């Protein structure tokens, strides 16, 4: 059970970091709260479209663009 709780905590922190990066790059996803809601999904789609990466999921190329922003 502890492993599951730790994994969920990590996922939330990663999501929050992605939201912070999206917001800092001008793709508004609202408050960086670690919850993937409609605003986050729309911001991800706009980011992906603007950067010519596959829309619908965050794959390796997407992470690269987020990291180098």
PDB file of N, CA and C in Angstrom:
ATOM      1  N   UNK A   1       0.815  -1.187   0.000  1.00  0.00           N
ATOM      2  CA  UNK A   1       0.000   0.000   0.000  1.00  0.00           C
ATOM      3  C   UNK A   1       0.866   1.262   0.000  1.00  0.00           C
ATOM      4  N   UNK A   2       1.972   1.246   0.756  1.00  0.00           N
ATOM      5  CA  UNK A   2       2.864   2.398   0.815  1.00  0.00           C
ATOM      6  C   UNK A   2       3.424   2.711  -0.566  1.00  0.00           C
ATOM      7  N   UNK A   3       3.729   1.663  -1.350  1.00  0.00           N
ATOM      8  CA  UNK A   3       4.250   1.875  -2.703  1.00  0.00           C
ATOM      9  C   UNK A   3       3.241   2.601  -3.577  1.00  0.00           C
ATOM     10  N   UNK A   4       1.984   2.244  -3.458  1.00  0.00           N
ATOM     11  CA  UNK A   4       0.931   2.888  -4.254  1.00  0.00           C
ATOM     12  C   UNK A   4       0.795   4.349  -3.862  1.00  0.00           C
ATOM     13  N   UNK A   5       0.799   4.624  -2.569  1.00  0.00           N
ATOM     14  CA  UNK A   5       0.688   6.008  -2.096  1.00  0.00           C
ATOM     15  C   UNK A   5       1.886   6.828  -2.569  1.00  0.00           C
ATOM     16  N   UNK A   6       3.079   6.236  -2.511  1.00  0.00           N
ATOM     17  CA  UNK A   6       4.277   6.924  -2.984  1.00  0.00           C
ATOM     18  C   UNK A   6       4.211   7.209  -4.468  1.00  0.00           C
ATOM     19  N   UNK A   7       3.716   6.263  -5.253  1.00  0.00           N
ATOM     20  CA  UNK A   7       3.590   6.449  -6.695  1.00  0.00           C
ATOM     21  C   UNK A   7       2.595   7.553  -7.016  1.00  0.00           C
ATOM     22  N   UNK A   8       1.467   7.558  -6.325  1.00  0.00           N
ATOM     23  CA  UNK A   8       0.474   8.601  -6.552  1.00  0.00           C
ATOM     24  C   UNK A   8       1.027   9.977  -6.197  1.00  0.00           C
ATOM     25  N   UNK A   9       1.803  10.055  -5.131  1.00  0.00           N
ATOM     26  CA  UNK A   9       2.427  11.314  -4.735  1.00  0.00           C
ATOM     27  C   UNK A   9       3.402  11.790  -5.803  1.00  0.00           C
ATOM     28  N   UNK A  10       4.198  10.877  -6.339  1.00  0.00           N
ATOM     29  CA  UNK A  10       5.148  11.214  -7.396  1.00  0.00           C
ATOM     30  C   UNK A  10       4.424  11.695  -8.644  1.00  0.00           C
ATOM     31  N   UNK A  11       3.357  11.002  -9.026  1.00  0.00           N
ATOM     32  CA  UNK A  11       2.595  11.403 -10.203  1.00  0.00           C
ATOM     33  C   UNK A  11       2.029  12.812 -10.034  1.00  0.00           C
ATOM     34  N   UNK A  12       1.536  13.118  -8.858  1.00  0.00           N
ATOM     35  CA  UNK A  12       0.977  14.448  -8.605  1.00  0.00           C
ATOM     36  C   UNK A  12       2.063  15.518  -8.685  1.00  0.00           C
ATOM     37  N   UNK A  13       3.252  15.205  -8.148  1.00  0.00           N
ATOM     38  CA  UNK A  13       4.360  16.175  -8.216  1.00  0.00           C
ATOM     39  C   UNK A  13       4.809  16.397  -9.653  1.00  0.00           C
ATOM     40  N   UNK A  14       4.867  15.341 -10.445  1.00  0.00           N
ATOM     41  CA  UNK A  14       5.247  15.481 -11.854  1.00  0.00           C
ATOM     42  C   UNK A  14       4.208  16.304 -12.593  1.00  0.00           C
ATOM     43  N   UNK A  15       2.943  16.017 -12.344  1.00  0.00           N
ATOM     44  CA  UNK A  15       1.868  16.776 -12.981  1.00  0.00           C
ATOM     45  C   UNK A  15       1.964  18.254 -12.614  1.00  0.00           C
ATOM     46  N   UNK A  16       2.224  18.539 -11.346  1.00  0.00           N
ATOM     47  CA  UNK A  16       2.344  19.933 -10.897  1.00  0.00           C
ATOM     48  C   UNK A  16       3.513  20.617 -11.605  1.00  0.00           C
ATOM     49  N   UNK A  17       4.627  19.902 -11.754  1.00  0.00           N
ATOM     50  CA  UNK A  17       5.785  20.463 -12.437  1.00  0.00           C
ATOM     51  C   UNK A  17       5.446  20.754 -13.901  1.00  0.00           C
ATOM     52  N   UNK A  18       4.761  19.821 -14.564  1.00  0.00           N
ATOM     53  CA  UNK A  18       4.356  20.033 -15.953  1.00  0.00           C
ATOM     54  C   UNK A  18       3.443  21.261 -16.042  1.00  0.00           C
ATOM     55  N   UNK A  19       2.513  21.383 -15.122  1.00  0.00           N
ATOM     56  CA  UNK A  19       1.621  22.543 -15.123  1.00  0.00           C
ATOM     57  C   UNK A  19       2.408  23.841 -14.941  1.00  0.00           C
ATOM     58  N   UNK A  20       3.370  23.838 -14.052  1.00  0.00           N
ATOM     59  CA  UNK A  20       4.191  25.037 -13.833  1.00  0.00           C
ATOM     60  C   UNK A  20       4.954  25.394 -15.108  1.00  0.00           C
ATOM     61  N   UNK A  21       5.524  24.396 -15.775  1.00  0.00           N
ATOM     62  CA  UNK A  21       6.269  24.639 -17.018  1.00  0.00           C
ATOM     63  C   UNK A  21       5.327  25.167 -18.098  1.00  0.00           C
ATOM     64  N   UNK A  22       4.173  24.560 -18.236  1.00  0.00           N
ATOM     65  CA  UNK A  22       3.212  25.021 -19.249  1.00  0.00           C
ATOM     66  C   UNK A  22       2.826  26.469 -18.982  1.00  0.00           C
ATOM     67  N   UNK A  23       2.512  26.781 -17.739  1.00  0.00           N
ATOM     68  CA  UNK A  23       2.151  28.162 -17.392  1.00  0.00           C
ATOM     69  C   UNK A  23       3.291  29.127 -17.702  1.00  0.00           C
ATOM     70  N   UNK A  24       4.524  28.752 -17.377  1.00  0.00           N
ATOM     71  CA  UNK A  24       5.667  29.640 -17.604  1.00  0.00           C
ATOM     72  C   UNK A  24       5.958  29.834 -19.088  1.00  0.00           C
ATOM     73  N   UNK A  25       5.512  28.893 -19.903  1.00  0.00           N
ATOM     74  CA  UNK A  25       5.731  28.981 -21.347  1.00  0.00           C
ATOM     75  C   UNK A  25       4.549  29.631 -22.072  1.00  0.00           C
ATOM     76  N   UNK A  26       3.540  30.078 -21.307  1.00  0.00           N
ATOM     77  CA  UNK A  26       2.412  30.776 -21.905  1.00  0.00           C
ATOM     78  C   UNK A  26       1.224  29.893 -22.247  1.00  0.00           C
ATOM     79  N   UNK A  27       1.250  28.637 -21.842  1.00  0.00           N
ATOM     80  CA  UNK A  27       0.127  27.727 -22.072  1.00  0.00           C
ATOM     81  C   UNK A  27      -0.639  27.588 -20.765  1.00  0.00           C
ATOM     82  N   UNK A  28      -1.560  28.508 -20.555  1.00  0.00           N
ATOM     83  CA  UNK A  28      -2.241  28.607 -19.271  1.00  0.00           C
ATOM     84  C   UNK A  28      -3.063  27.358 -18.965  1.00  0.00           C
ATOM     85  N   UNK A  29      -2.736  26.767 -17.824  1.00  0.00           N
ATOM     86  CA  UNK A  29      -3.514  25.609 -17.372  1.00  0.00           C
ATOM     87  C   UNK A  29      -4.073  25.861 -15.979  1.00  0.00           C
ATOM     88  N   UNK A  30      -4.086  27.115 -15.576  1.00  0.00           N
ATOM     89  CA  UNK A  30      -4.631  27.460 -14.273  1.00  0.00           C
ATOM     90  C   UNK A  30      -3.614  27.208 -13.167  1.00  0.00           C
ATOM     91  N   UNK A  31      -4.116  27.046 -11.977  1.00  0.00           N
ATOM     92  CA  UNK A  31      -3.268  26.817 -10.814  1.00  0.00           C
ATOM     93  C   UNK A  31      -2.564  25.470 -10.928  1.00  0.00           C
ATOM     94  N   UNK A  32      -1.269  25.455 -10.670  1.00  0.00           N
ATOM     95  CA  UNK A  32      -0.509  24.202 -10.692  1.00  0.00           C
ATOM     96  C   UNK A  32      -0.815  23.445  -9.403  1.00  0.00           C
ATOM     97  N   UNK A  33      -1.789  22.522  -9.510  1.00  0.00           N
ATOM     98  CA  UNK A  33      -2.247  21.800  -8.325  1.00  0.00           C
ATOM     99  C   UNK A  33      -1.980  20.300  -8.386  1.00  0.00           C
ATOM    100  N   UNK A  34      -1.394  19.844  -9.490  1.00  0.00           N
ATOM    101  CA  UNK A  34      -1.092  18.424  -9.610  1.00  0.00           C
ATOM    102  C   UNK A  34      -2.262  17.572 -10.050  1.00  0.00           C
ATOM    103  N   UNK A  35      -3.359  18.208 -10.414  1.00  0.00           N
ATOM    104  CA  UNK A  35      -4.551  17.489 -10.866  1.00  0.00           C
ATOM    105  C   UNK A  35      -4.758  17.765 -12.344  1.00  0.00           C
ATOM    106  N   UNK A  36      -4.890  16.706 -13.135  1.00  0.00           N
ATOM    107  CA  UNK A  36      -5.083  16.858 -14.577  1.00  0.00           C
ATOM    108  C   UNK A  36      -6.564  17.090 -14.839  1.00  0.00           C
ATOM    109  N   UNK A  37      -6.889  18.354 -15.080  1.00  0.00           N
ATOM    110  CA  UNK A  37      -8.268  18.722 -15.384  1.00  0.00           C
ATOM    111  C   UNK A  37      -8.378  19.220 -16.822  1.00  0.00           C
ATOM    112  N   UNK A  38      -9.518  19.801 -17.136  1.00  0.00           N
ATOM    113  CA  UNK A  38      -9.769  20.284 -18.498  1.00  0.00           C
ATOM    114  C   UNK A  38      -8.765  21.351 -18.924  1.00  0.00           C
ATOM    115  N   UNK A  39      -8.447  22.285 -18.034  1.00  0.00           N
ATOM    116  CA  UNK A  39      -7.501  23.352 -18.378  1.00  0.00           C
ATOM    117  C   UNK A  39      -6.124  22.778 -18.691  1.00  0.00           C
ATOM    118  N   UNK A  40      -5.701  21.797 -17.901  1.00  0.00           N
ATOM    119  CA  UNK A  40      -4.395  21.177 -18.144  1.00  0.00           C
ATOM    120  C   UNK A  40      -4.394  20.456 -19.489  1.00  0.00           C
ATOM    121  N   UNK A  41      -5.450  19.709 -19.765  1.00  0.00           N
ATOM    122  CA  UNK A  41      -5.521  18.967 -21.027  1.00  0.00           C
ATOM    123  C   UNK A  41      -5.518  19.922 -22.227  1.00  0.00           C
ATOM    124  N   UNK A  42      -6.230  21.031 -22.125  1.00  0.00           N
ATOM    125  CA  UNK A  42      -6.249  22.014 -23.216  1.00  0.00           C
ATOM    126  C   UNK A  42      -4.878  22.648 -23.396  1.00  0.00           C
ATOM    127  N   UNK A  43      -4.205  22.965 -22.288  1.00  0.00           N
ATOM    128  CA  UNK A  43      -2.868  23.555 -22.364  1.00  0.00           C
ATOM    129  C   UNK A  43      -1.876  22.581 -22.995  1.00  0.00           C
ATOM    130  N   UNK A  44      -1.966  21.307 -22.626  1.00  0.00           N
ATOM    131  CA  UNK A  44      -1.088  20.289 -23.219  1.00  0.00           C
ATOM    132  C   UNK A  44      -1.336  20.198 -24.712  1.00  0.00           C
ATOM    133  N   UNK A  45      -2.594  20.179 -25.127  1.00  0.00           N
ATOM    134  CA  UNK A  45      -2.926  20.078 -26.556  1.00  0.00           C
ATOM    135  C   UNK A  45      -2.391  21.290 -27.320  1.00  0.00           C
ATOM    136  N   UNK A  46      -2.524  22.490 -26.756  1.00  0.00           N
ATOM    137  CA  UNK A  46      -2.005  23.696 -27.409  1.00  0.00           C
ATOM    138  C   UNK A  46      -0.484  23.638 -27.518  1.00  0.00           C
ATOM    139  N   UNK A  47       0.166  23.200 -26.451  1.00  0.00           N
ATOM    140  CA  UNK A  47       1.621  23.048 -26.458  1.00  0.00           C
ATOM    141  C   UNK A  47       2.052  22.069 -27.542  1.00  0.00           C
ATOM    142  N   UNK A  48       1.380  20.930 -27.595  1.00  0.00           N
ATOM    143  CA  UNK A  48       1.739  19.906 -28.572  1.00  0.00           C
ATOM    144  C   UNK A  48       1.521  20.403 -29.998  1.00  0.00           C
ATOM    145  N   UNK A  49       0.409  21.058 -30.239  1.00  0.00           N
ATOM    146  CA  UNK A  49       0.120  21.583 -31.573  1.00  0.00           C
ATOM    147  C   UNK A  49       1.161  22.625 -31.989  1.00  0.00           C
ATOM    148  N   UNK A  50       1.493  23.531 -31.073  1.00  0.00           N
ATOM    149  CA  UNK A  50       2.449  24.595 -31.381  1.00  0.00           C
ATOM    150  C   UNK A  50       3.853  24.056 -31.636  1.00  0.00           C
ATOM    151  N   UNK A  51       4.180  22.906 -31.048  1.00  0.00           N
ATOM    152  CA  UNK A  51       5.519  22.351 -31.175  1.00  0.00           C
ATOM    153  C   UNK A  51       5.600  21.174 -32.135  1.00  0.00           C
ATOM    154  N   UNK A  52       4.513  20.886 -32.834  1.00  0.00           N
ATOM    155  CA  UNK A  52       4.519  19.836 -33.839  1.00  0.00           C
ATOM    156  C   UNK A  52       4.738  18.441 -33.292  1.00  0.00           C
ATOM    157  N   UNK A  53       4.291  18.216 -32.061  1.00  0.00           N
ATOM    158  CA  UNK A  53       4.409  16.875 -31.481  1.00  0.00           C
ATOM    159  C   UNK A  53       3.029  16.241 -31.391  1.00  0.00           C
ATOM    160  N   UNK A  54       3.007  14.928 -31.258  1.00  0.00           N
ATOM    161  CA  UNK A  54       1.748  14.193 -31.252  1.00  0.00           C
ATOM    162  C   UNK A  54       0.776  14.666 -30.193  1.00  0.00           C
ATOM    163  N   UNK A  55      -0.447  14.913 -30.615  1.00  0.00           N
ATOM    164  CA  UNK A  55      -1.486  15.374 -29.697  1.00  0.00           C
ATOM    165  C   UNK A  55      -2.143  14.168 -29.036  1.00  0.00           C
ATOM    166  N   UNK A  56      -2.363  14.253 -27.738  1.00  0.00           N
ATOM    167  CA  UNK A  56      -3.095  13.227 -27.039  1.00  0.00           C
ATOM    168  C   UNK A  56      -2.363  12.592 -25.873  1.00  0.00           C
ATOM    169  N   UNK A  57      -1.060  12.686 -25.848  1.00  0.00           N
ATOM    170  CA  UNK A  57      -0.299  12.136 -24.730  1.00  0.00           C
ATOM    171  C   UNK A  57       1.032  12.863 -24.658  1.00  0.00           C
ATOM    172  N   UNK A  58       1.711  12.743 -23.530  1.00  0.00           N
ATOM    173  CA  UNK A  58       3.037  13.338 -23.391  1.00  0.00           C
ATOM    174  C   UNK A  58       4.075  12.246 -23.557  1.00  0.00           C
ATOM    175  N   UNK A  59       4.687  12.221 -24.715  1.00  0.00           N
ATOM    176  CA  UNK A  59       5.723  11.233 -25.002  1.00  0.00           C
ATOM    177  C   UNK A  59       7.104  11.841 -24.842  1.00  0.00           C
ATOM    178  N   UNK A  60       8.129  11.125 -25.258  1.00  0.00           N
ATOM    179  CA  UNK A  60       9.511  11.531 -25.066  1.00  0.00           C
ATOM    180  C   UNK A  60       9.855  12.896 -25.645  1.00  0.00           C
ATOM    181  N   UNK A  61       9.430  13.171 -26.872  1.00  0.00           N
ATOM    182  CA  UNK A  61       9.731  14.449 -27.512  1.00  0.00           C
ATOM    183  C   UNK A  61       9.093  15.601 -26.751  1.00  0.00           C
ATOM    184  N   UNK A  62       7.875  15.382 -26.264  1.00  0.00           N
ATOM    185  CA  UNK A  62       7.168  16.419 -25.528  1.00  0.00           C
ATOM    186  C   UNK A  62       7.933  16.797 -24.257  1.00  0.00           C
ATOM    187  N   UNK A  63       8.445  15.797 -23.549  1.00  0.00           N
ATOM    188  CA  UNK A  63       9.205  16.055 -22.337  1.00  0.00           C
ATOM    189  C   UNK A  63      10.467  16.842 -22.654  1.00  0.00           C
ATOM    190  N   UNK A  64      11.086  16.534 -23.773  1.00  0.00           N
ATOM    191  CA  UNK A  64      12.298  17.257 -24.184  1.00  0.00           C
ATOM    192  C   UNK A  64      11.981  18.735 -24.360  1.00  0.00           C
ATOM    193  N   UNK A  65      10.900  19.041 -25.084  1.00  0.00           N
ATOM    194  CA  UNK A  65      10.522  20.447 -25.288  1.00  0.00           C
ATOM    195  C   UNK A  65      10.190  21.126 -23.967  1.00  0.00           C
ATOM    196  N   UNK A  66       9.506  20.415 -23.061  1.00  0.00           N
ATOM    197  CA  UNK A  66       9.189  21.009 -21.766  1.00  0.00           C
ATOM    198  C   UNK A  66      10.452  21.308 -20.973  1.00  0.00           C
ATOM    199  N   UNK A  67      11.407  20.412 -21.037  1.00  0.00           N
ATOM    200  CA  UNK A  67      12.633  20.595 -20.273  1.00  0.00           C
ATOM    201  C   UNK A  67      13.493  21.749 -20.783  1.00  0.00           C
ATOM    202  N   UNK A  68      13.575  21.899 -22.100  1.00  0.00           N
ATOM    203  CA  UNK A  68      14.436  22.961 -22.626  1.00  0.00           C
ATOM    204  C   UNK A  68      13.704  24.275 -22.789  1.00  0.00           C
ATOM    205  N   UNK A  69      12.342  24.214 -22.794  1.00  0.00           N
ATOM    206  CA  UNK A  69      11.476  25.379 -22.874  1.00  0.00           C
ATOM    207  C   UNK A  69      12.111  26.499 -23.575  1.00  0.00           C
TER     208      UNK A  69
END
